Amino acid sequence: MSGEVRNYAEGGTVDNAVQYWKGVAENQDRLVAQGKRNPYVGAACKTGAQIMNGFIAISGLHEVEKSSGKLGWDVGSGASNTQIAKDTGMLLFDSTMAGLTFLPAGKVLQGVKGGKGLYTTAKAGEAITGMVKAGKGAAAPVAGEITAAIEKTIPQGGKVTAEHSKALLSELTDIGKKYGITIQEGGKVGESVGSMNKILVNTKAGGSHEITHVVQQLQTRATALEAQAQKLGKPVKDLTAVERQGAFQNMVKPFEEVAYNQHEMWAKEATKLGGGAKSSYADALKRNVASFEEALSGGNVPSAEVSGLSRAYGEVPNILGRSQGENLSNVGQIQLRSVNYAREQQ
């Protein structure tokens, strides 16, 4: 319809919850007028529904879903790079604002009282609790393989195209096969998600940014497997499923949970706002690999010698990159349960 504003969140989990509670609120007056509901019960139900939508509004998740939908729509319709970059910036802003509502109030107040900022990042060089050290003997060979792949495919300075990034992804895929790790295109736009044996990456938007995460995830997993194989005195290809999972639990998982901020810092350092590669892409990737090699060797938090902008981007915890989609999904499930519960009560 001409003049109608498109709802880019339409059909999304959060939007469905918003529309449901809006309908519940609007329906109470009709039920009371028809004598089907006690006026006091109707008022209580209407207020409850409005409160539920109030919570959603305060969370900012509806705005995240809208801006995410707008980005997906524009990518799918072939919008210009300028528009894609603008959409990405809006999604980043909305995600940041939503993230503020999920920060534990006590922790925030304590941090501010102590002269700290809203966000904290694990200090580089600190030992990661529960993480097994890989040692140089396992970390160095893997870092060397990945660095060689970067040098083979990514030009040092000058324009770095999407084709260069895809060439790197192909080389990483070949390295992954050696360690029994499948790198596969798929999943949600703007996400790179890794289990022990598979890394799923979607390069339709911000491909170079997501491929940076593939570099990180592959290095961490391959190093963990190499360390496990050396410990047991057998080739990586002979590791059992249980032994591979042990490497994931004892090295990959604790490392990625603590060093999530550093993953994002390095990805931002290598790429522009829209997720395209900077001219310094190759250098940033190699410095990232070197940082992770040292950290994985000693079981420590990796360093991130990056720009102030990249550091600020990475210090926003648990709402960007992979975690944004996961958090939105988790909160969406809570909203879905609340909708189902409300329906059961009617």
Protein backbone atom coordinates (compact mmCIF):
# COMPACT_ATOMS: atom_id res chain seq x y z
CA MET A 1 0.00 0.00 0.00
CA SER A 2 1.33 3.43 -0.93
CA GLY A 3 2.68 5.33 2.04
CA GLU A 4 2.61 2.27 4.31
CA VAL A 5 5.79 1.67 6.30
CA ARG A 6 7.07 -1.87 5.86
CA ASN A 7 7.43 -3.93 9.03
CA TYR A 8 10.77 -5.63 8.42
CA ALA A 9 10.30 -7.65 11.62
CA GLU A 10 7.06 -9.18 10.37
CA GLY A 11 6.92 -12.91 11.08
CA GLY A 12 9.82 -12.71 13.53
CA THR A 13 9.54 -14.23 17.00
CA VAL A 14 9.64 -10.91 18.85
CA ASP A 15 7.27 -9.21 16.40
CA ASN A 16 4.79 -12.07 16.74
CA ALA A 17 4.87 -11.59 20.52
CA VAL A 18 4.31 -7.83 20.12
CA GLN A 19 1.33 -8.38 17.82
CA TYR A 20 -0.12 -11.04 20.13
CA TRP A 21 -0.01 -8.88 23.27
CA LYS A 22 -1.35 -5.92 21.29
CA GLY A 23 -4.28 -8.09 20.21
CA VAL A 24 -4.90 -9.29 23.76
CA ALA A 25 -5.05 -5.70 25.00
CA GLU A 26 -7.39 -4.57 22.20
CA ASN A 27 -9.66 -7.59 22.68
CA GLN A 28 -10.47 -6.94 26.33
CA ASP A 29 -12.84 -4.01 25.71
CA ARG A 30 -14.81 -6.11 23.21
CA LEU A 31 -15.08 -9.08 25.61
CA VAL A 32 -16.24 -6.82 28.45
CA ALA A 33 -18.81 -5.09 26.19
CA GLN A 34 -20.18 -8.49 25.14
CA GLY A 35 -20.49 -9.56 28.75
CA LYS A 36 -17.97 -12.36 28.25
CA ARG A 37 -15.48 -10.96 30.73
CA ASN A 38 -15.74 -9.30 34.10
CA PRO A 39 -14.68 -5.63 33.77
CA TYR A 40 -12.09 -5.99 36.53
CA VAL A 41 -10.62 -9.11 34.92
CA GLY A 42 -10.65 -7.38 31.53
CA ALA A 43 -8.80 -4.37 32.92
CA ALA A 44 -6.25 -6.62 34.58
CA CYS A 45 -5.68 -8.61 31.37
CA LYS A 46 -5.35 -5.43 29.33
CA THR A 47 -2.86 -3.96 31.77
CA GLY A 48 -0.89 -7.21 31.85
CA ALA A 49 -0.70 -7.31 28.05
CA GLN A 50 0.45 -3.70 27.91
CA ILE A 51 3.10 -4.45 30.55
CA MET A 52 4.36 -7.40 28.46
CA ASN A 53 4.74 -5.18 25.40
CA GLY A 54 6.35 -2.59 27.64
CA PHE A 55 9.00 -5.11 28.63
CA ILE A 56 9.62 -5.92 24.98
CA ALA A 57 9.92 -2.22 24.14
CA ILE A 58 12.35 -1.62 27.00
CA SER A 59 14.50 -4.57 25.92
CA GLY A 60 15.01 -3.03 22.47
CA LEU A 61 14.79 -6.49 20.88
CA HIS A 62 11.94 -5.46 18.58
CA GLU A 63 14.14 -2.73 17.14
CA VAL A 64 16.97 -5.24 16.70
CA GLU A 65 14.62 -7.57 14.86
CA LYS A 66 13.43 -4.70 12.63
CA SER A 67 16.93 -3.54 11.71
CA SER A 68 18.07 -7.14 11.19
CA GLY A 69 15.09 -7.71 8.89
CA LYS A 70 15.87 -4.49 7.00
CA LEU A 71 19.46 -5.61 6.44
CA GLY A 72 18.31 -9.03 5.25
CA TRP A 73 15.72 -7.49 2.92
CA ASP A 74 18.22 -5.07 1.36
CA VAL A 75 20.85 -7.77 0.91
CA GLY A 76 18.29 -10.02 -0.76
CA SER A 77 17.03 -7.26 -3.05
CA GLY A 78 20.51 -6.25 -4.21
CA ALA A 79 20.74 -2.86 -2.49
CA SER A 80 23.86 -0.73 -2.86
CA ASN A 81 26.92 -1.19 -0.67
CA THR A 82 26.22 2.23 0.84
CA GLN A 83 22.74 1.13 1.91
CA ILE A 84 24.05 -2.19 3.26
CA ALA A 85 26.67 -0.31 5.31
CA LYS A 86 23.95 2.02 6.62
CA ASP A 87 21.75 -0.94 7.58
CA THR A 88 24.67 -2.65 9.29
CA GLY A 89 25.42 0.49 11.30
CA MET A 90 21.79 0.73 12.41
CA LEU A 91 21.77 -2.94 13.44
CA LEU A 92 24.97 -2.37 15.43
CA PHE A 93 23.43 0.66 17.16
CA ASP A 94 20.14 -1.11 17.99
CA SER A 95 22.03 -4.18 19.24
CA THR A 96 24.21 -2.03 21.49
CA MET A 97 21.19 -0.26 22.96
CA ALA A 98 19.42 -3.58 23.53
CA GLY A 99 22.52 -5.00 25.16
CA LEU A 100 22.50 -2.28 27.81
CA THR A 101 19.19 -3.61 29.15
CA PHE A 102 20.69 -7.04 29.78
CA LEU A 103 23.68 -5.90 31.80
CA PRO A 104 23.38 -7.00 35.45
CA ALA A 105 22.53 -3.82 37.36
CA GLY A 106 24.60 -4.69 40.43
CA LYS A 107 27.67 -5.44 38.34
CA VAL A 108 27.27 -2.22 36.36
CA LEU A 109 26.88 -0.06 39.47
CA GLN A 110 29.82 -1.75 41.16
CA GLY A 111 31.96 -1.20 38.07
CA VAL A 112 30.99 2.46 37.76
CA LYS A 113 31.63 3.00 41.49
CA GLY A 114 35.08 1.50 41.06
CA GLY A 115 35.87 3.89 38.21
CA LYS A 116 35.40 1.27 35.50
CA GLY A 117 33.38 1.46 32.30
CA LEU A 118 30.15 -0.38 31.56
CA TYR A 119 31.99 -3.17 29.79
CA THR A 120 34.94 -5.23 30.96
CA THR A 121 37.27 -7.32 28.86
CA ALA A 122 39.46 -10.18 30.07
CA LYS A 123 43.00 -8.87 30.51
CA ALA A 124 45.50 -10.09 27.92
CA GLY A 125 47.93 -12.64 29.31
CA GLU A 126 45.71 -13.80 32.16
CA ALA A 127 45.40 -17.56 32.55
CA ILE A 128 42.03 -18.91 31.42
CA THR A 129 40.48 -20.98 34.19
CA GLY A 130 39.96 -24.61 33.22
CA MET A 131 41.80 -24.34 29.92
CA VAL A 132 44.52 -26.84 28.99
CA LYS A 133 47.65 -25.32 27.45
CA ALA A 134 48.41 -26.35 23.87
CA GLY A 135 52.12 -25.58 23.93
CA LYS A 136 54.22 -24.17 21.09
CA GLY A 137 54.66 -27.61 19.56
CA ALA A 138 50.95 -27.73 18.72
CA ALA A 139 50.14 -24.04 18.24
CA ALA A 140 53.03 -23.02 15.98
CA PRO A 141 52.46 -25.50 13.09
CA VAL A 142 48.76 -24.62 12.85
CA ALA A 143 49.51 -20.88 12.94
CA GLY A 144 52.07 -21.42 10.19
CA GLU A 145 49.56 -23.19 7.93
CA ILE A 146 46.95 -20.48 8.31
CA THR A 147 49.45 -17.64 7.89
CA ALA A 148 50.68 -19.27 4.66
CA ALA A 149 47.08 -19.44 3.39
CA ILE A 150 46.62 -15.73 4.13
CA GLU A 151 49.85 -14.80 2.33
CA LYS A 152 48.84 -16.94 -0.65
CA THR A 153 45.40 -15.40 -1.16
CA ILE A 154 45.26 -11.88 0.34
CA PRO A 155 47.29 -9.02 -1.18
CA GLN A 156 49.48 -7.01 1.19
CA GLY A 157 47.98 -3.53 0.95
CA GLY A 158 45.84 -2.17 -1.84
CA LYS A 159 42.28 -3.22 -2.61
CA VAL A 160 41.09 -6.50 -1.11
CA THR A 161 38.03 -7.87 -2.91
CA ALA A 162 35.36 -10.39 -1.95
CA GLU A 163 37.07 -12.79 -4.37
CA HIS A 164 40.26 -12.63 -2.29
CA SER A 165 38.30 -13.48 0.84
CA LYS A 166 36.56 -16.37 -0.89
CA ALA A 167 39.94 -17.67 -2.06
CA LEU A 168 41.13 -17.59 1.55
CA LEU A 169 37.98 -19.44 2.64
CA SER A 170 38.78 -22.14 0.08
CA GLU A 171 42.31 -22.53 1.50
CA LEU A 172 40.94 -22.66 5.04
CA THR A 173 38.49 -25.35 3.95
CA ASP A 174 41.39 -27.47 2.71
CA ILE A 175 43.30 -27.00 5.97
CA GLY A 176 40.17 -27.94 7.90
CA LYS A 177 39.90 -31.27 6.06
CA LYS A 178 43.33 -32.27 7.38
CA TYR A 179 41.97 -31.95 10.93
CA GLY A 180 38.56 -33.45 10.24
CA ILE A 181 36.88 -30.04 10.42
CA THR A 182 34.26 -29.20 7.80
CA ILE A 183 33.89 -25.54 6.80
CA GLN A 184 30.52 -25.05 5.17
CA GLU A 185 28.58 -22.10 3.77
CA GLY A 186 25.16 -21.69 5.36
CA GLY A 187 23.32 -20.55 8.47
CA LYS A 188 22.03 -17.09 9.29
CA VAL A 189 23.27 -13.97 7.54
CA GLY A 190 26.07 -12.37 9.54
CA GLU A 191 27.02 -15.42 11.56
CA SER A 192 29.91 -17.84 11.80
CA VAL A 193 29.16 -20.66 14.22
CA GLY A 194 31.52 -23.51 15.07
CA SER A 195 31.18 -26.86 16.82
CA MET A 196 34.19 -29.18 17.17
CA ASN A 197 33.94 -30.73 13.73
CA LYS A 198 32.07 -28.11 11.71
CA ILE A 199 32.28 -24.37 11.12
CA LEU A 200 29.16 -22.93 9.51
CA VAL A 201 29.60 -19.49 7.92
CA ASN A 202 27.27 -17.20 6.00
CA THR A 203 29.14 -14.75 3.73
CA LYS A 204 26.12 -13.06 2.11
CA ALA A 205 26.63 -9.96 4.26
CA GLY A 206 29.92 -8.85 5.77
CA GLY A 207 31.70 -11.85 4.26
CA SER A 208 35.24 -10.74 5.06
CA HIS A 209 34.27 -10.12 8.68
CA GLU A 210 32.77 -13.60 9.03
CA ILE A 211 35.76 -15.21 7.28
CA THR A 212 37.95 -13.58 9.94
CA HIS A 213 35.96 -15.56 12.49
CA VAL A 214 36.53 -18.71 10.44
CA VAL A 215 40.29 -18.05 10.67
CA GLN A 216 39.96 -17.75 14.45
CA GLN A 217 37.71 -20.76 14.90
CA LEU A 218 39.76 -23.02 12.65
CA GLN A 219 43.01 -22.05 14.37
CA THR A 220 41.57 -22.70 17.82
CA ARG A 221 40.08 -26.08 16.89
CA ALA A 222 43.04 -27.33 14.88
CA THR A 223 45.43 -26.32 17.67
CA ALA A 224 43.30 -28.11 20.26
CA LEU A 225 43.21 -31.27 18.16
CA GLU A 226 46.95 -31.13 17.48
CA ALA A 227 47.64 -30.72 21.20
CA GLN A 228 45.33 -33.62 22.04
CA ALA A 229 46.99 -35.85 19.43
CA GLN A 230 50.48 -35.03 20.71
CA LYS A 231 49.40 -35.70 24.28
CA LEU A 232 48.05 -39.14 23.34
CA GLY A 233 50.91 -39.95 20.96
CA LYS A 234 48.78 -40.51 17.89
CA PRO A 235 47.97 -38.68 14.59
CA VAL A 236 45.02 -36.27 14.59
CA LYS A 237 43.17 -38.50 12.12
CA ASP A 238 43.19 -41.34 14.68
CA LEU A 239 41.54 -39.33 17.47
CA THR A 240 38.24 -40.85 18.57
CA ALA A 241 35.00 -38.85 18.80
CA VAL A 242 35.36 -38.78 22.58
CA GLU A 243 38.97 -37.54 22.34
CA ARG A 244 37.97 -34.83 19.87
CA GLN A 245 35.17 -33.69 22.15
CA GLY A 246 37.60 -33.65 25.06
CA ALA A 247 39.81 -31.24 23.10
CA PHE A 248 36.78 -29.03 22.52
CA GLN A 249 35.70 -29.00 26.17
CA ASN A 250 39.20 -28.51 27.61
CA MET A 251 40.57 -25.92 25.20
CA VAL A 252 38.19 -24.54 22.57
CA LYS A 253 35.16 -23.85 24.76
CA PRO A 254 36.92 -22.07 27.66
CA PHE A 255 39.08 -20.08 25.22
CA GLU A 256 36.16 -18.85 23.10
CA GLU A 257 34.00 -18.02 26.11
CA VAL A 258 36.67 -15.82 27.72
CA ALA A 259 38.20 -14.41 24.53
CA TYR A 260 34.93 -13.57 22.75
CA ASN A 261 35.69 -9.85 22.95
CA GLN A 262 39.10 -10.34 21.34
CA HIS A 263 37.51 -12.30 18.49
CA GLU A 264 35.31 -9.31 17.69
CA MET A 265 38.09 -6.75 18.14
CA TRP A 266 40.28 -8.49 15.60
CA ALA A 267 37.40 -8.96 13.15
CA LYS A 268 36.60 -5.25 13.34
CA GLU A 269 40.29 -4.36 12.98
CA ALA A 270 40.41 -6.32 9.70
CA THR A 271 37.15 -5.10 8.19
CA LYS A 272 35.17 -1.95 7.44
CA LEU A 273 31.73 -1.01 8.77
CA GLY A 274 29.86 -3.04 6.16
CA GLY A 275 32.03 -6.10 6.76
CA GLY A 276 34.23 -5.68 3.68
CA ALA A 277 37.99 -6.13 3.96
CA LYS A 278 40.26 -3.17 4.68
CA SER A 279 43.44 -2.70 2.66
CA SER A 280 45.25 -3.90 5.81
CA TYR A 281 43.18 -7.11 5.92
CA ALA A 282 46.16 -9.44 5.43
CA ASP A 283 48.24 -7.75 8.12
CA ALA A 284 45.39 -7.74 10.64
CA LEU A 285 44.67 -11.41 10.01
CA LYS A 286 48.31 -12.42 10.46
CA ARG A 287 48.63 -10.39 13.66
CA ASN A 288 45.43 -12.06 14.89
CA VAL A 289 46.89 -15.51 14.15
CA ALA A 290 50.12 -14.64 15.97
CA SER A 291 48.16 -13.35 18.98
CA PHE A 292 46.06 -16.50 19.16
CA GLU A 293 49.13 -18.74 18.71
CA GLU A 294 50.77 -17.23 21.78
CA ALA A 295 47.55 -17.35 23.81
CA LEU A 296 46.68 -20.94 22.91
CA SER A 297 50.23 -22.05 23.66
CA GLY A 298 50.02 -20.85 27.25
CA GLY A 299 46.30 -21.14 27.91
CA ASN A 300 45.99 -17.38 28.27
CA VAL A 301 43.72 -14.55 27.14
CA PRO A 302 45.00 -13.28 23.75
CA SER A 303 46.26 -9.75 23.25
CA ALA A 304 44.49 -7.37 20.91
CA GLU A 305 46.69 -4.50 19.75
CA VAL A 306 43.97 -2.78 17.76
CA SER A 307 42.53 0.70 17.17
CA GLY A 308 40.27 2.38 19.69
CA LEU A 309 37.24 1.85 17.44
CA SER A 310 37.95 -1.87 17.10
CA ARG A 311 38.42 -2.18 20.84
CA ALA A 312 35.14 -0.37 21.56
CA TYR A 313 33.34 -2.62 19.07
CA GLY A 314 34.76 -5.75 20.68
CA GLU A 315 34.03 -4.66 24.23
CA VAL A 316 30.26 -4.79 23.70
CA PRO A 317 29.71 -8.32 25.07
CA ASN A 318 27.27 -11.00 23.99
CA ILE A 319 25.16 -8.98 21.57
CA LEU A 320 27.19 -8.86 18.37
CA GLY A 321 28.25 -11.45 15.83
CA ARG A 322 27.13 -14.96 16.72
CA SER A 323 25.75 -14.07 20.15
CA GLN A 324 23.31 -11.48 18.84
CA GLY A 325 21.40 -14.14 16.95
CA GLU A 326 21.58 -16.55 19.87
CA ASN A 327 20.33 -14.01 22.41
CA LEU A 328 17.50 -12.89 20.17
CA SER A 329 16.49 -16.52 19.71
CA ASN A 330 16.65 -17.24 23.45
CA VAL A 331 14.56 -14.21 24.40
CA GLY A 332 12.18 -15.05 21.56
CA GLN A 333 11.66 -18.51 23.04
CA ILE A 334 10.80 -16.91 26.39
CA GLN A 335 8.26 -14.67 24.67
CA LEU A 336 6.81 -17.66 22.80
CA ARG A 337 6.35 -19.54 26.07
CA SER A 338 4.64 -16.53 27.63
CA VAL A 339 2.27 -16.31 24.64
CA ASN A 340 1.39 -20.00 24.92
CA TYR A 341 0.84 -19.65 28.66
CA ALA A 342 -1.46 -16.66 28.17
CA ARG A 343 -3.50 -18.56 25.57
CA GLU A 344 -3.94 -21.46 27.99
CA GLN A 345 -5.34 -19.07 30.61
CA GLN A 346 -8.05 -17.65 28.32
